[in-house]
PDB file of N, CA and C in Angstrom:
ATOM      1  N   MET A   1     -15.043   4.719 -20.494  1.00  0.00           N
ATOM      2  CA  MET A   1     -15.655   6.004 -20.266  1.00  0.00           C
ATOM      3  C   MET A   1     -14.726   6.702 -20.965  1.00  0.00           C
ATOM      4  N   GLY A   2     -15.728   7.687 -21.798  1.00  0.00           N
ATOM      5  CA  GLY A   2     -14.749   8.594 -22.689  1.00  0.00           C
ATOM      6  C   GLY A   2     -15.108  10.094 -22.164  1.00  0.00           C
ATOM      7  N   ALA A   3     -14.440  10.999 -22.813  1.00  0.00           N
ATOM      8  CA  ALA A   3     -14.291  12.539 -22.655  1.00  0.00           C
ATOM      9  C   ALA A   3     -14.245  13.499 -23.729  1.00  0.00           C
ATOM     10  N   VAL A   4     -15.052  14.329 -23.598  1.00  0.00           N
ATOM     11  CA  VAL A   4     -14.573  15.633 -24.610  1.00  0.00           C
ATOM     12  C   VAL A   4     -14.078  16.407 -23.901  1.00  0.00           C
ATOM     13  N   ILE A   5     -12.770  16.897 -24.396  1.00  0.00           N
ATOM     14  CA  ILE A   5     -11.851  17.835 -23.638  1.00  0.00           C
ATOM     15  C   ILE A   5     -11.420  18.927 -24.607  1.00  0.00           C
ATOM     16  N   ASP A   6     -11.532  20.073 -24.040  1.00  0.00           N
ATOM     17  CA  ASP A   6     -10.954  21.460 -24.615  1.00  0.00           C
ATOM     18  C   ASP A   6      -9.891  21.621 -23.935  1.00  0.00           C
ATOM     19  N   LEU A   7      -8.517  21.515 -24.316  1.00  0.00           N
ATOM     20  CA  LEU A   7      -7.219  21.774 -23.786  1.00  0.00           C
ATOM     21  C   LEU A   7      -7.048  22.925 -23.134  1.00  0.00           C
ATOM     22  N   GLY A   8      -7.812  24.004 -23.660  1.00  0.00           N
ATOM     23  CA  GLY A   8      -7.684  25.338 -23.151  1.00  0.00           C
ATOM     24  C   GLY A   8      -6.053  25.723 -23.287  1.00  0.00           C
ATOM     25  N   ASN A   9      -5.675  26.541 -22.239  1.00  0.00           N
ATOM     26  CA  ASN A   9      -4.351  26.747 -21.936  1.00  0.00           C
ATOM     27  C   ASN A   9      -3.611  25.564 -21.511  1.00  0.00           C
ATOM     28  N   CYS A  10      -2.937  24.607 -22.616  1.00  0.00           N
ATOM     29  CA  CYS A  10      -2.392  23.383 -22.297  1.00  0.00           C
ATOM     30  C   CYS A  10      -1.014  23.596 -22.229  1.00  0.00           C
ATOM     31  N   LEU A  11      -0.206  22.693 -21.292  1.00  0.00           N
ATOM     32  CA  LEU A  11       1.216  22.804 -21.303  1.00  0.00           C
ATOM     33  C   LEU A  11       1.485  21.607 -22.135  1.00  0.00           C
ATOM     34  N   ASP A  12       1.935  21.778 -23.175  1.00  0.00           N
ATOM     35  CA  ASP A  12       1.810  20.634 -24.417  1.00  0.00           C
ATOM     36  C   ASP A  12       3.167  20.045 -24.378  1.00  0.00           C
ATOM     37  N   LEU A  13       3.576  18.893 -23.753  1.00  0.00           N
ATOM     38  CA  LEU A  13       4.757  18.403 -23.848  1.00  0.00           C
ATOM     39  C   LEU A  13       5.324  17.545 -25.105  1.00  0.00           C
ATOM     40  N   VAL A  14       4.526  17.944 -26.086  1.00  0.00           N
ATOM     41  CA  VAL A  14       4.675  17.605 -27.466  1.00  0.00           C
ATOM     42  C   VAL A  14       5.492  18.867 -28.273  1.00  0.00           C
ATOM     43  N   SER A  15       5.263  20.079 -27.560  1.00  0.00           N
ATOM     44  CA  SER A  15       5.617  21.098 -28.182  1.00  0.00           C
ATOM     45  C   SER A  15       7.032  21.531 -27.668  1.00  0.00           C
ATOM     46  N   ARG A  16       8.054  22.050 -28.639  1.00  0.00           N
ATOM     47  CA  ARG A  16       9.499  22.227 -28.340  1.00  0.00           C
ATOM     48  C   ARG A  16       9.283  23.342 -27.368  1.00  0.00           C
ATOM     49  N   ALA A  17       8.623  24.234 -27.709  1.00  0.00           N
ATOM     50  CA  ALA A  17       8.512  25.538 -26.698  1.00  0.00           C
ATOM     51  C   ALA A  17       8.066  25.142 -25.354  1.00  0.00           C
ATOM     52  N   ASP A  18       7.387  24.449 -25.196  1.00  0.00           N
ATOM     53  CA  ASP A  18       6.763  23.933 -23.937  1.00  0.00           C
ATOM     54  C   ASP A  18       7.943  23.210 -23.251  1.00  0.00           C
ATOM     55  N   ILE A  19       8.608  22.391 -24.004  1.00  0.00           N
ATOM     56  CA  ILE A  19       9.587  21.404 -23.485  1.00  0.00           C
ATOM     57  C   ILE A  19      10.715  22.384 -22.806  1.00  0.00           C
ATOM     58  N   GLU A  20      10.786  23.425 -23.503  1.00  0.00           N
ATOM     59  CA  GLU A  20      11.827  24.653 -23.082  1.00  0.00           C
ATOM     60  C   GLU A  20      11.484  24.970 -22.124  1.00  0.00           C
ATOM     61  N   LEU A  21      10.333  25.538 -21.666  1.00  0.00           N
ATOM     62  CA  LEU A  21       9.757  26.192 -20.390  1.00  0.00           C
ATOM     63  C   LEU A  21       9.864  24.927 -19.556  1.00  0.00           C
ATOM     64  N   LEU A  22       9.599  23.708 -19.727  1.00  0.00           N
ATOM     65  CA  LEU A  22       9.830  22.979 -18.576  1.00  0.00           C
ATOM     66  C   LEU A  22      11.365  22.765 -18.374  1.00  0.00           C
ATOM     67  N   ARG A  23      12.194  22.626 -19.258  1.00  0.00           N
ATOM     68  CA  ARG A  23      13.593  22.527 -18.977  1.00  0.00           C
ATOM     69  C   ARG A  23      13.836  23.744 -18.014  1.00  0.00           C
ATOM     70  N   TRP A  24      13.401  25.002 -18.171  1.00  0.00           N
ATOM     71  CA  TRP A  24      13.854  26.079 -17.321  1.00  0.00           C
ATOM     72  C   TRP A  24      13.389  25.953 -16.057  1.00  0.00           C
ATOM     73  N   ALA A  25      12.089  25.336 -15.958  1.00  0.00           N
ATOM     74  CA  ALA A  25      11.523  25.112 -14.606  1.00  0.00           C
ATOM     75  C   ALA A  25      12.265  24.287 -14.011  1.00  0.00           C
ATOM     76  N   TYR A  26      12.988  22.988 -14.631  1.00  0.00           N
ATOM     77  CA  TYR A  26      13.590  22.360 -13.879  1.00  0.00           C
ATOM     78  C   TYR A  26      14.834  22.910 -13.085  1.00  0.00           C
ATOM     79  N   GLY A  27      15.779  23.940 -13.936  1.00  0.00           N
ATOM     80  CA  GLY A  27      16.625  24.435 -13.059  1.00  0.00           C
ATOM     81  C   GLY A  27      16.421  25.377 -12.120  1.00  0.00           C
ATOM     82  N   SER A  28      15.086  25.840 -11.913  1.00  0.00           N
ATOM     83  CA  SER A  28      14.728  26.582 -11.258  1.00  0.00           C
ATOM     84  C   SER A  28      14.225  25.671  -9.697  1.00  0.00           C
ATOM     85  N   PHE A  29      13.798  24.589 -10.244  1.00  0.00           N
ATOM     86  CA  PHE A  29      13.361  23.554  -8.983  1.00  0.00           C
ATOM     87  C   PHE A  29      14.606  23.004  -8.538  1.00  0.00           C
ATOM     88  N   VAL A  30      15.767  22.688  -9.364  1.00  0.00           N
ATOM     89  CA  VAL A  30      16.896  22.127  -8.734  1.00  0.00           C
ATOM     90  C   VAL A  30      17.770  23.297  -7.741  1.00  0.00           C
ATOM     91  N   GLU A  31      17.337  24.361  -8.259  1.00  0.00           N
ATOM     92  CA  GLU A  31      17.983  25.539  -7.423  1.00  0.00           C
ATOM     93  C   GLU A  31      17.074  25.723  -6.185  1.00  0.00           C
ATOM     94  N   THR A  32      15.886  25.728  -6.395  1.00  0.00           N
ATOM     95  CA  THR A  32      15.136  25.902  -5.110  1.00  0.00           C
ATOM     96  C   THR A  32      15.122  24.772  -4.121  1.00  0.00           C
ATOM     97  N   GLN A  33      15.082  23.482  -4.659  1.00  0.00           N
ATOM     98  CA  GLN A  33      15.434  22.349  -3.838  1.00  0.00           C
ATOM     99  C   GLN A  33      17.002  22.628  -2.942  1.00  0.00           C
ATOM    100  N   THR A  34      17.911  22.710  -3.712  1.00  0.00           N
ATOM    101  CA  THR A  34      19.276  22.922  -3.177  1.00  0.00           C
ATOM    102  C   THR A  34      19.356  23.909  -2.155  1.00  0.00           C
ATOM    103  N   HIS A  35      18.780  25.091  -2.353  1.00  0.00           N
ATOM    104  CA  HIS A  35      19.050  26.199  -1.446  1.00  0.00           C
ATOM    105  C   HIS A  35      18.206  25.897  -0.123  1.00  0.00           C
ATOM    106  N   ALA A  36      16.907  25.107  -0.296  1.00  0.00           N
ATOM    107  CA  ALA A  36      16.400  24.817   1.142  1.00  0.00           C
ATOM    108  C   ALA A  36      16.697  23.555   1.505  1.00  0.00           C
ATOM    109  N   GLY A  37      17.797  22.902   1.027  1.00  0.00           N
ATOM    110  CA  GLY A  37      18.499  21.363   1.466  1.00  0.00           C
ATOM    111  C   GLY A  37      17.634  20.633   1.664  1.00  0.00           C
ATOM    112  N   LEU A  38      16.787  20.351   0.507  1.00  0.00           N
ATOM    113  CA  LEU A  38      15.659  19.010   0.207  1.00  0.00           C
ATOM    114  C   LEU A  38      16.338  18.380  -0.975  1.00  0.00           C
ATOM    115  N   SER A  39      15.944  17.066  -1.180  1.00  0.00           N
ATOM    116  CA  SER A  39      16.574  16.332  -2.027  1.00  0.00           C
ATOM    117  C   SER A  39      15.689  16.472  -3.291  1.00  0.00           C
ATOM    118  N   ILE A  40      16.195  15.972  -4.464  1.00  0.00           N
ATOM    119  CA  ILE A  40      15.589  15.956  -5.805  1.00  0.00           C
ATOM    120  C   ILE A  40      15.205  14.442  -6.211  1.00  0.00           C
ATOM    121  N   PRO A  41      13.899  14.616  -6.453  1.00  0.00           N
ATOM    122  CA  PRO A  41      13.124  13.426  -6.362  1.00  0.00           C
ATOM    123  C   PRO A  41      13.568  12.830  -7.698  1.00  0.00           C
ATOM    124  N   GLU A  42      13.452  11.350  -7.700  1.00  0.00           N
ATOM    125  CA  GLU A  42      14.032  10.699  -9.079  1.00  0.00           C
ATOM    126  C   GLU A  42      12.759   9.688  -9.570  1.00  0.00           C
ATOM    127  N   ASN A  43      12.781   9.911 -10.884  1.00  0.00           N
ATOM    128  CA  ASN A  43      11.973   8.739 -11.519  1.00  0.00           C
ATOM    129  C   ASN A  43      12.189   7.514 -11.394  1.00  0.00           C
ATOM    130  N   ARG A  44      11.514   6.464 -11.213  1.00  0.00           N
ATOM    131  CA  ARG A  44      11.672   5.131 -10.827  1.00  0.00           C
ATOM    132  C   ARG A  44      11.197   4.199 -11.692  1.00  0.00           C
ATOM    133  N   LYS A  45      11.647   2.973 -11.579  1.00  0.00           N
ATOM    134  CA  LYS A  45      10.952   1.546 -12.256  1.00  0.00           C
ATOM    135  C   LYS A  45       9.786   1.355 -11.348  1.00  0.00           C
ATOM    136  N   SER A  46       9.053   0.787 -11.849  1.00  0.00           N
ATOM    137  CA  SER A  46       7.970   0.149 -11.039  1.00  0.00           C
ATOM    138  C   SER A  46       8.110  -1.270 -10.997  1.00  0.00           C
ATOM    139  N   LYS A  47       8.644  -1.573  -9.495  1.00  0.00           N
ATOM    140  CA  LYS A  47       8.911  -3.104  -8.636  1.00  0.00           C
ATOM    141  C   LYS A  47       7.619  -3.999  -9.028  1.00  0.00           C
ATOM    142  N   SER A  48       6.407  -3.663  -9.321  1.00  0.00           N
ATOM    143  CA  SER A  48       5.335  -4.331  -9.634  1.00  0.00           C
ATOM    144  C   SER A  48       5.296  -4.884 -11.327  1.00  0.00           C
ATOM    145  N   SER A  49       6.009  -4.501 -11.951  1.00  0.00           N
ATOM    146  CA  SER A  49       5.763  -4.443 -13.470  1.00  0.00           C
ATOM    147  C   SER A  49       7.206  -5.092 -13.884  1.00  0.00           C
ATOM    148  N   ALA A  50       7.223  -6.033 -15.000  1.00  0.00           N
ATOM    149  CA  ALA A  50       8.259  -6.299 -15.464  1.00  0.00           C
ATOM    150  C   ALA A  50       8.827  -5.296 -16.636  1.00  0.00           C
ATOM    151  N   ASP A  51       8.047  -4.341 -17.093  1.00  0.00           N
ATOM    152  CA  ASP A  51       8.661  -3.536 -17.728  1.00  0.00           C
ATOM    153  C   ASP A  51       9.964  -2.946 -17.188  1.00  0.00           C
ATOM    154  N   THR A  52      10.967  -2.276 -18.363  1.00  0.00           N
ATOM    155  CA  THR A  52      12.001  -1.666 -17.813  1.00  0.00           C
ATOM    156  C   THR A  52      11.979  -0.258 -17.900  1.00  0.00           C
ATOM    157  N   ASP A  53      10.756   0.299 -17.957  1.00  0.00           N
ATOM    158  CA  ASP A  53      10.476   1.704 -18.454  1.00  0.00           C
ATOM    159  C   ASP A  53      10.318   2.491 -16.987  1.00  0.00           C
ATOM    160  N   TRP A  54      10.746   3.675 -16.902  1.00  0.00           N
ATOM    161  CA  TRP A  54      10.678   4.659 -15.940  1.00  0.00           C
ATOM    162  C   TRP A  54       9.213   5.130 -15.458  1.00  0.00           C
ATOM    163  N   LEU A  55       8.478   4.058 -14.754  1.00  0.00           N
ATOM    164  CA  LEU A  55       6.921   4.647 -14.551  1.00  0.00           C
ATOM    165  C   LEU A  55       6.548   5.330 -13.766  1.00  0.00           C
ATOM    166  N   LEU A  56       7.432   5.358 -12.633  1.00  0.00           N
ATOM    167  CA  LEU A  56       7.049   6.102 -11.644  1.00  0.00           C
ATOM    168  C   LEU A  56       7.701   7.444 -11.614  1.00  0.00           C
ATOM    169  N   ARG A  57       6.860   8.568 -12.247  1.00  0.00           N
ATOM    170  CA  ARG A  57       7.798   9.868 -12.320  1.00  0.00           C
ATOM    171  C   ARG A  57       7.473  10.881 -11.438  1.00  0.00           C
ATOM    172  N   PHE A  58       8.118  10.713 -10.320  1.00  0.00           N
ATOM    173  CA  PHE A  58       8.248  11.570  -9.369  1.00  0.00           C
ATOM    174  C   PHE A  58       9.152  12.923  -9.679  1.00  0.00           C
ATOM    175  N   LEU A  59      10.009  12.838 -10.374  1.00  0.00           N
ATOM    176  CA  LEU A  59      10.736  14.104 -10.621  1.00  0.00           C
ATOM    177  C   LEU A  59       9.930  14.829 -11.747  1.00  0.00           C
ATOM    178  N   ASP A  60       9.670  14.321 -12.679  1.00  0.00           N
ATOM    179  CA  ASP A  60       8.414  14.809 -13.516  1.00  0.00           C
ATOM    180  C   ASP A  60       7.531  15.992 -13.047  1.00  0.00           C
ATOM    181  N   CYS A  61       7.004  14.932 -12.226  1.00  0.00           N
ATOM    182  CA  CYS A  61       5.569  15.304 -11.835  1.00  0.00           C
ATOM    183  C   CYS A  61       5.909  16.715 -10.597  1.00  0.00           C
ATOM    184  N   ALA A  62       6.915  16.732  -9.708  1.00  0.00           N
ATOM    185  CA  ALA A  62       7.534  17.901  -9.201  1.00  0.00           C
ATOM    186  C   ALA A  62       8.205  19.166  -9.655  1.00  0.00           C
ATOM    187  N   VAL A  63       8.769  18.935 -11.055  1.00  0.00           N
ATOM    188  CA  VAL A  63       9.213  19.899 -11.736  1.00  0.00           C
ATOM    189  C   VAL A  63       7.941  20.591 -12.567  1.00  0.00           C
ATOM    190  N   ILE A  64       6.661  19.742 -12.842  1.00  0.00           N
ATOM    191  CA  ILE A  64       5.545  20.449 -13.525  1.00  0.00           C
ATOM    192  C   ILE A  64       4.667  21.128 -12.532  1.00  0.00           C
ATOM    193  N   LYS A  65       4.848  20.607 -11.276  1.00  0.00           N
ATOM    194  CA  LYS A  65       3.970  21.194  -9.967  1.00  0.00           C
ATOM    195  C   LYS A  65       4.678  22.320  -9.844  1.00  0.00           C
ATOM    196  N   HIS A  66       6.014  22.475  -9.794  1.00  0.00           N
ATOM    197  CA  HIS A  66       6.903  23.679  -9.831  1.00  0.00           C
ATOM    198  C   HIS A  66       6.810  24.597 -10.731  1.00  0.00           C
ATOM    199  N   LEU A  67       6.735  24.182 -12.061  1.00  0.00           N
ATOM    200  CA  LEU A  67       6.124  25.097 -12.934  1.00  0.00           C
ATOM    201  C   LEU A  67       5.078  25.675 -12.749  1.00  0.00           C
ATOM    202  N   HIS A  68       3.870  25.229 -12.493  1.00  0.00           N
ATOM    203  CA  HIS A  68       2.450  25.636 -12.066  1.00  0.00           C
ATOM    204  C   HIS A  68       2.865  26.626 -11.063  1.00  0.00           C
ATOM    205  N   ASN A  69       3.453  26.590 -10.153  1.00  0.00           N
ATOM    206  CA  ASN A  69       3.704  27.475  -8.872  1.00  0.00           C
ATOM    207  C   ASN A  69       4.433  28.768  -9.450  1.00  0.00           C
ATOM    208  N   LEU A  70       5.498  28.386 -10.462  1.00  0.00           N
ATOM    209  CA  LEU A  70       6.102  29.557 -10.961  1.00  0.00           C
ATOM    210  C   LEU A  70       5.257  30.397 -11.511  1.00  0.00           C
ATOM    211  N   MET A  71       4.357  29.925 -12.575  1.00  0.00           N
ATOM    212  CA  MET A  71       3.456  30.713 -13.177  1.00  0.00           C
ATOM    213  C   MET A  71       2.216  31.622 -12.483  1.00  0.00           C
ATOM    214  N   GLN A  72       2.176  30.650 -11.351  1.00  0.00           N
ATOM    215  CA  GLN A  72       0.825  31.482 -10.547  1.00  0.00           C
ATOM    216  C   GLN A  72       1.701  32.786  -9.803  1.00  0.00           C
ATOM    217  N   ASP A  73       3.041  32.625  -9.334  1.00  0.00           N
ATOM    218  CA  ASP A  73       3.699  33.614  -8.781  1.00  0.00           C
ATOM    219  C   ASP A  73       3.896  34.932  -9.747  1.00  0.00           C
ATOM    220  N   ALA A  74       4.033  34.555 -11.138  1.00  0.00           N
ATOM    221  CA  ALA A  74       4.321  35.496 -11.935  1.00  0.00           C
ATOM    222  C   ALA A  74       3.087  36.175 -12.593  1.00  0.00           C
ATOM    223  N   GLU A  75       2.096  35.567 -11.842  1.00  0.00           N
ATOM    224  CA  GLU A  75       0.497  35.961 -12.294  1.00  0.00           C
ATOM    225  C   GLU A  75       0.315  35.994 -13.815  1.00  0.00           C
ATOM    226  N   LYS A  76       1.011  34.846 -14.225  1.00  0.00           N
ATOM    227  CA  LYS A  76       0.737  34.281 -15.575  1.00  0.00           C
ATOM    228  C   LYS A  76      -0.738  33.440 -15.584  1.00  0.00           C
ATOM    229  N   PRO A  77      -1.386  33.268 -16.886  1.00  0.00           N
ATOM    230  CA  PRO A  77      -2.282  32.422 -16.913  1.00  0.00           C
ATOM    231  C   PRO A  77      -2.013  30.793 -16.401  1.00  0.00           C
ATOM    232  N   ALA A  78      -2.943  30.187 -15.646  1.00  0.00           N
ATOM    233  CA  ALA A  78      -2.459  28.931 -15.068  1.00  0.00           C
ATOM    234  C   ALA A  78      -2.964  28.001 -16.249  1.00  0.00           C
ATOM    235  N   PHE A  79      -2.252  27.144 -16.323  1.00  0.00           N
ATOM    236  CA  PHE A  79      -2.517  25.846 -17.705  1.00  0.00           C
ATOM    237  C   PHE A  79      -3.540  25.371 -16.864  1.00  0.00           C
ATOM    238  N   ASP A  80      -4.592  24.968 -17.952  1.00  0.00           N
ATOM    239  CA  ASP A  80      -5.791  24.282 -17.732  1.00  0.00           C
ATOM    240  C   ASP A  80      -5.524  22.402 -17.844  1.00  0.00           C
ATOM    241  N   THR A  81      -4.944  22.212 -18.802  1.00  0.00           N
ATOM    242  CA  THR A  81      -4.593  21.222 -18.969  1.00  0.00           C
ATOM    243  C   THR A  81      -2.740  20.703 -19.339  1.00  0.00           C
ATOM    244  N   VAL A  82      -2.237  19.283 -19.154  1.00  0.00           N
ATOM    245  CA  VAL A  82      -1.030  19.150 -19.474  1.00  0.00           C
ATOM    246  C   VAL A  82      -1.366  17.860 -20.374  1.00  0.00           C
ATOM    247  N   ARG A  83      -0.579  17.862 -21.297  1.00  0.00           N
ATOM    248  CA  ARG A  83      -0.752  16.710 -22.617  1.00  0.00           C
ATOM    249  C   ARG A  83       0.867  16.144 -22.671  1.00  0.00           C
ATOM    250  N   GLY A  84       1.022  14.899 -22.566  1.00  0.00           N
ATOM    251  CA  GLY A  84       2.237  14.475 -22.601  1.00  0.00           C
ATOM    252  C   GLY A  84       2.351  13.110 -23.606  1.00  0.00           C
ATOM    253  N   MET A  85       3.407  12.874 -24.154  1.00  0.00           N
ATOM    254  CA  MET A  85       3.472  11.278 -25.035  1.00  0.00           C
ATOM    255  C   MET A  85       4.579  10.663 -24.169  1.00  0.00           C
ATOM    256  N   PHE A  86       4.168   9.618 -24.091  1.00  0.00           N
ATOM    257  CA  PHE A  86       4.979   8.507 -23.269  1.00  0.00           C
ATOM    258  C   PHE A  86       5.225   7.210 -24.162  1.00  0.00           C
ATOM    259  N   VAL A  87       6.473   7.329 -24.407  1.00  0.00           N
ATOM    260  CA  VAL A  87       6.903   5.928 -25.474  1.00  0.00           C
ATOM    261  C   VAL A  87       7.362   4.951 -24.282  1.00  0.00           C
ATOM    262  N   GLU A  88       6.555   4.030 -24.259  1.00  0.00           N
ATOM    263  CA  GLU A  88       7.073   2.864 -23.338  1.00  0.00           C
ATOM    264  C   GLU A  88       6.791   1.626 -23.991  1.00  0.00           C
ATOM    265  N   GLY A  89       7.267   0.295 -23.125  1.00  0.00           N
ATOM    266  CA  GLY A  89       7.147  -0.919 -23.738  1.00  0.00           C
ATOM    267  C   GLY A  89       7.994  -1.523 -24.850  1.00  0.00           C
ATOM    268  N   GLY A  90       8.234  -2.486 -25.153  1.00  0.00           N
ATOM    269  CA  GLY A  90       8.929  -2.999 -26.073  1.00  0.00           C
ATOM    270  C   GLY A  90       8.702  -2.516 -27.199  1.00  0.00           C
ATOM    271  N   ARG A  91       9.640  -2.866 -28.281  1.00  0.00           N
ATOM    272  CA  ARG A  91       9.244  -2.379 -29.902  1.00  0.00           C
ATOM    273  C   ARG A  91       8.380  -3.155 -30.422  1.00  0.00           C
ATOM    274  N   ALA A  92       7.323  -2.390 -31.347  1.00  0.00           N
ATOM    275  CA  ALA A  92       6.265  -3.292 -31.810  1.00  0.00           C
ATOM    276  C   ALA A  92       6.604  -4.476 -32.621  1.00  0.00           C
ATOM    277  N   PHE A  93       8.049  -4.360 -33.346  1.00  0.00           N
ATOM    278  CA  PHE A  93       8.451  -5.374 -34.046  1.00  0.00           C
ATOM    279  C   PHE A  93      10.166  -5.078 -34.380  1.00  0.00           C
ATOM    280  N   PRO A  94      10.918  -5.908 -34.512  1.00  0.00           N
ATOM    281  CA  PRO A  94      12.111  -5.741 -34.572  1.00  0.00           C
ATOM    282  C   PRO A  94      12.529  -4.641 -35.659  1.00  0.00           C
ATOM    283  N   GLY A  95      13.271  -3.517 -35.157  1.00  0.00           N
ATOM    284  CA  GLY A  95      13.629  -2.557 -35.765  1.00  0.00           C
ATOM    285  C   GLY A  95      12.674  -1.399 -35.900  1.00  0.00           C
ATOM    286  N   SER A  96      11.395  -1.545 -35.182  1.00  0.00           N
ATOM    287  CA  SER A  96      10.526  -0.406 -35.105  1.00  0.00           C
ATOM    288  C   SER A  96      10.890   0.798 -34.166  1.00  0.00           C
ATOM    289  N   GLY A  97      10.478   1.812 -34.591  1.00  0.00           N
ATOM    290  CA  GLY A  97      10.419   2.909 -33.717  1.00  0.00           C
ATOM    291  C   GLY A  97       9.232   3.433 -33.386  1.00  0.00           C
ATOM    292  N   ILE A  98       8.266   1.974 -33.147  1.00  0.00           N
ATOM    293  CA  ILE A  98       6.790   2.079 -32.525  1.00  0.00           C
ATOM    294  C   ILE A  98       6.947   1.304 -31.514  1.00  0.00           C
ATOM    295  N   TYR A  99       6.358   1.875 -30.010  1.00  0.00           N
ATOM    296  CA  TYR A  99       6.505   0.760 -29.086  1.00  0.00           C
ATOM    297  C   TYR A  99       5.613   0.339 -28.547  1.00  0.00           C
ATOM    298  N   ARG A 100       5.073  -0.665 -28.049  1.00  0.00           N
ATOM    299  CA  ARG A 100       3.717  -1.532 -28.019  1.00  0.00           C
ATOM    300  C   ARG A 100       2.875  -0.705 -26.688  1.00  0.00           C
ATOM    301  N   LYS A 101       3.358   0.295 -25.871  1.00  0.00           N
ATOM    302  CA  LYS A 101       2.767   0.644 -24.866  1.00  0.00           C
ATOM    303  C   LYS A 101       2.663   2.285 -24.772  1.00  0.00           C
ATOM    304  N   SER A 102       3.180   2.751 -25.985  1.00  0.00           N
ATOM    305  CA  SER A 102       3.170   4.312 -26.465  1.00  0.00           C
ATOM    306  C   SER A 102       1.800   4.794 -26.008  1.00  0.00           C
ATOM    307  N   HIS A 103       1.541   5.881 -25.708  1.00  0.00           N
ATOM    308  CA  HIS A 103       0.364   6.572 -25.197  1.00  0.00           C
ATOM    309  C   HIS A 103       0.593   8.087 -24.925  1.00  0.00           C
ATOM    310  N   VAL A 104      -0.713   8.781 -25.297  1.00  0.00           N
ATOM    311  CA  VAL A 104      -0.503   9.959 -24.828  1.00  0.00           C
ATOM    312  C   VAL A 104      -1.513  10.242 -23.507  1.00  0.00           C
ATOM    313  N   GLN A 105      -1.051  11.256 -22.590  1.00  0.00           N
ATOM    314  CA  GLN A 105      -2.058  11.202 -21.398  1.00  0.00           C
ATOM    315  C   GLN A 105      -2.304  12.617 -21.479  1.00  0.00           C
ATOM    316  N   ILE A 106      -3.498  13.159 -20.926  1.00  0.00           N
ATOM    317  CA  ILE A 106      -3.853  14.407 -20.595  1.00  0.00           C
ATOM    318  C   ILE A 106      -4.396  14.576 -19.120  1.00  0.00           C
ATOM    319  N   ALA A 107      -3.864  15.489 -18.499  1.00  0.00           N
ATOM    320  CA  ALA A 107      -4.177  15.620 -17.098  1.00  0.00           C
ATOM    321  C   ALA A 107      -4.850  16.969 -16.980  1.00  0.00           C
ATOM    322  N   VAL A 108      -6.243  16.878 -16.512  1.00  0.00           N
ATOM    323  CA  VAL A 108      -6.887  18.081 -16.660  1.00  0.00           C
ATOM    324  C   VAL A 108      -7.101  18.781 -15.368  1.00  0.00           C
ATOM    325  N   ARG A 109      -6.372  20.054 -15.341  1.00  0.00           N
ATOM    326  CA  ARG A 109      -6.297  20.638 -14.004  1.00  0.00           C
ATOM    327  C   ARG A 109      -7.665  21.747 -13.625  1.00  0.00           C
ATOM    328  N   ASN A 110      -8.406  21.961 -14.881  1.00  0.00           N
ATOM    329  CA  ASN A 110      -9.508  22.863 -14.729  1.00  0.00           C
ATOM    330  C   ASN A 110     -10.665  22.403 -15.175  1.00  0.00           C
ATOM    331  N   PRO A 111     -11.473  21.767 -14.443  1.00  0.00           N
ATOM    332  CA  PRO A 111     -12.843  20.881 -14.732  1.00  0.00           C
ATOM    333  C   PRO A 111     -13.527  21.343 -15.481  1.00  0.00           C
ATOM    334  N   ASP A 112     -13.510  22.858 -15.912  1.00  0.00           N
ATOM    335  CA  ASP A 112     -14.299  23.426 -16.871  1.00  0.00           C
ATOM    336  C   ASP A 112     -13.984  23.050 -18.286  1.00  0.00           C
ATOM    337  N   CYS A 113     -12.823  22.179 -18.340  1.00  0.00           N
ATOM    338  CA  CYS A 113     -12.120  22.002 -19.566  1.00  0.00           C
ATOM    339  C   CYS A 113     -12.953  20.632 -20.126  1.00  0.00           C
ATOM    340  N   ILE A 114     -13.680  19.936 -19.308  1.00  0.00           N
ATOM    341  CA  ILE A 114     -14.419  18.573 -19.651  1.00  0.00           C
ATOM    342  C   ILE A 114     -15.509  18.998 -20.308  1.00  0.00           C
ATOM    343  N   LYS A 115     -15.885  18.882 -21.539  1.00  0.00           N
ATOM    344  CA  LYS A 115     -17.170  19.563 -21.897  1.00  0.00           C
ATOM    345  C   LYS A 115     -18.105  18.200 -22.129  1.00  0.00           C
ATOM    346  N   GLY A 116     -17.784  17.039 -21.903  1.00  0.00           N
ATOM    347  CA  GLY A 116     -19.025  15.681 -21.839  1.00  0.00           C
ATOM    348  C   GLY A 116     -18.122  14.617 -21.608  1.00  0.00           C
ATOM    349  N   LEU A 117     -19.064  13.620 -21.254  1.00  0.00           N
ATOM    350  CA  LEU A 117     -18.599  12.340 -20.858  1.00  0.00           C
ATOM    351  C   LEU A 117     -19.630  11.356 -21.496  1.00  0.00           C
ATOM    352  N   PHE A 118     -19.029  10.330 -22.000  1.00  0.00           N
ATOM    353  CA  PHE A 118     -19.731   9.499 -22.743  1.00  0.00           C
ATOM    354  C   PHE A 118     -19.445   7.977 -22.617  1.00  0.00           C
ATOM    355  N   PHE A 119     -20.132   7.021 -22.830  1.00  0.00           N
ATOM    356  CA  PHE A 119     -19.661   5.434 -23.065  1.00  0.00           C
ATOM    357  C   PHE A 119     -19.655   5.272 -24.537  1.00  0.00           C
ATOM    358  N   PRO A 120     -18.128   4.687 -24.797  1.00  0.00           N
ATOM    359  CA  PRO A 120     -18.025   4.270 -26.571  1.00  0.00           C
ATOM    360  C   PRO A 120     -18.837   3.185 -26.719  1.00  0.00           C
ATOM    361  N   LEU A 121     -19.311   3.097 -27.706  1.00  0.00           N
ATOM    362  CA  LEU A 121     -20.347   1.995 -28.289  1.00  0.00           C
ATOM    363  C   LEU A 121     -19.793   0.823 -28.228  1.00  0.00           C
ATOM    364  N   PRO A 122     -20.016  -0.476 -28.229  1.00  0.00           N
ATOM    365  CA  PRO A 122     -19.410  -1.430 -28.285  1.00  0.00           C
ATOM    366  C   PRO A 122     -18.992  -2.015 -29.613  1.00  0.00           C
ATOM    367  N   ARG A 123     -18.010  -2.611 -29.701  1.00  0.00           N
ATOM    368  CA  ARG A 123     -17.245  -2.757 -30.955  1.00  0.00           C
ATOM    369  C   ARG A 123     -18.257  -4.077 -31.587  1.00  0.00           C
ATOM    370  N   PRO A 124     -18.458  -4.057 -33.023  1.00  0.00           N
ATOM    371  CA  PRO A 124     -19.156  -5.110 -33.272  1.00  0.00           C
ATOM    372  C   PRO A 124     -18.665  -6.515 -33.394  1.00  0.00           C
TER     373      PRO A 124
END
């Protein structure tokens, strides 16, 4: 299944400015967790996968959620979507800067951004 998505107000983790915003949110998150006596989640490798990549992104998720809360508290517009690029898997070939499982993910927070759904045509 495919979707047509309007990113709207996107937290774009490919944008340097948005990554800096996320870095700021991380500092705030650590300060908040420490002040409350709570632990800082960690990203982890999946036990069920032979990959060596950090696929369980508990820290990343917590920081992004914290940023959403900070935006809401500051009465700033909510992010409709979050887009990120993930470099995963082994190199496509020796010396390559391309990795076999790299991909882009989009998280849609505002369902109004989904403009349509479709089933791709089968390949000939």
